[in-house]
Amino acid sequence: MDRILADREQRRYWILQESVRCSEPVVALERNGERSEIDAYSKLSGFYGPNGLMAIWVMHRRSHKVHGSAETILSLVY
């Protein structure tokens, strides 16, 4: 946090990201146009700028360790 505050004084701003995870049913659109529903863990990442929240990136995955992969369902909320 000290570095973030010091960088702010130099007009080098940081974007802070908070992550939250939970389990829930998810409906996804497959590449072939079909819909599928799975139980998945969700990771919501909020992206903030100088004026507050800019967007939320949502990743859903069957594994409790949610990260980007070929099986990850992605959404962007802004």
Protein backbone atom coordinates (compact mmCIF):
# COMPACT_ATOMS: atom_id res chain seq x y z
CA MET A 1 0.00 0.00 0.00
CA ASP A 2 2.93 2.32 0.69
CA ARG A 3 4.13 1.87 -2.89
CA ILE A 4 0.65 2.59 -4.29
CA LEU A 5 0.47 5.83 -2.30
CA ALA A 6 4.00 6.83 -3.31
CA ASP A 7 3.25 6.12 -6.98
CA ARG A 8 0.10 8.24 -6.70
CA GLU A 9 2.25 11.21 -5.71
CA GLN A 10 4.19 10.66 -8.97
CA ARG A 11 0.88 10.49 -10.95
CA ARG A 12 1.42 6.74 -11.58
CA TYR A 13 -2.00 5.34 -10.75
CA TRP A 14 -2.82 1.73 -9.93
CA ILE A 15 -5.97 -0.20 -10.80
CA LEU A 16 -6.99 -2.31 -7.82
CA GLN A 17 -8.81 -5.59 -8.34
CA GLU A 18 -10.91 -7.41 -5.76
CA SER A 19 -11.81 -11.07 -6.34
CA VAL A 20 -14.79 -13.01 -4.96
CA ARG A 21 -15.68 -16.70 -5.62
CA CYS A 22 -18.90 -18.70 -5.12
CA SER A 23 -20.65 -21.81 -6.49
CA GLU A 24 -23.79 -21.47 -8.65
CA PRO A 25 -25.61 -22.86 -11.72
CA VAL A 26 -24.32 -21.28 -14.94
CA VAL A 27 -25.82 -21.25 -18.44
CA ALA A 28 -23.30 -20.92 -21.27
CA LEU A 29 -23.50 -20.51 -25.02
CA GLU A 30 -21.20 -23.06 -26.69
CA ARG A 31 -19.17 -22.27 -29.82
CA ASN A 32 -21.60 -24.37 -31.89
CA GLY A 33 -24.55 -22.23 -30.70
CA GLU A 34 -25.90 -24.79 -28.23
CA ARG A 35 -26.70 -23.83 -24.64
CA SER A 36 -25.39 -25.83 -21.71
CA GLU A 37 -25.97 -25.55 -17.97
CA ILE A 38 -23.37 -26.59 -15.40
CA ASP A 39 -22.74 -26.08 -11.70
CA ALA A 40 -19.64 -23.94 -11.52
CA TYR A 41 -17.60 -21.77 -9.24
CA SER A 42 -17.58 -18.12 -10.17
CA LYS A 43 -14.83 -15.60 -9.78
CA LEU A 44 -15.82 -11.95 -10.04
CA SER A 45 -13.02 -9.45 -10.50
CA GLY A 46 -13.80 -5.76 -10.16
CA PHE A 47 -11.59 -3.27 -12.01
CA TYR A 48 -11.38 0.22 -10.53
CA GLY A 49 -10.00 3.45 -11.89
CA PRO A 50 -9.71 6.97 -10.48
CA ASN A 51 -13.48 7.49 -10.73
CA GLY A 52 -14.53 4.14 -9.24
CA LEU A 53 -15.70 0.81 -10.70
CA MET A 54 -15.06 0.47 -14.45
CA ALA A 55 -16.08 -3.15 -15.16
CA ILE A 56 -16.49 -6.62 -13.68
CA TRP A 57 -14.90 -9.67 -15.34
CA VAL A 58 -16.63 -12.94 -14.45
CA MET A 59 -15.07 -16.40 -14.91
CA HIS A 60 -17.00 -19.65 -14.27
CA ARG A 61 -15.41 -23.08 -13.98
CA ARG A 62 -16.30 -26.51 -12.57
CA SER A 63 -13.09 -26.52 -10.53
CA HIS A 64 -12.94 -24.48 -7.33
CA LYS A 65 -9.67 -23.01 -8.62
CA VAL A 66 -11.10 -20.57 -11.15
CA HIS A 67 -8.75 -19.24 -13.84
CA GLY A 68 -8.68 -18.89 -17.61
CA SER A 69 -8.61 -22.15 -19.57
CA ALA A 70 -10.37 -23.77 -22.54
CA GLU A 71 -13.19 -24.84 -20.15
CA THR A 72 -13.69 -21.41 -18.56
CA ILE A 73 -16.94 -19.52 -19.23
CA LEU A 74 -16.34 -15.77 -19.47
CA SER A 75 -18.59 -12.73 -19.01
CA LEU A 76 -17.93 -9.00 -18.86
CA VAL A 77 -20.20 -6.69 -16.90
CA TYR A 78 -19.76 -2.94 -17.34
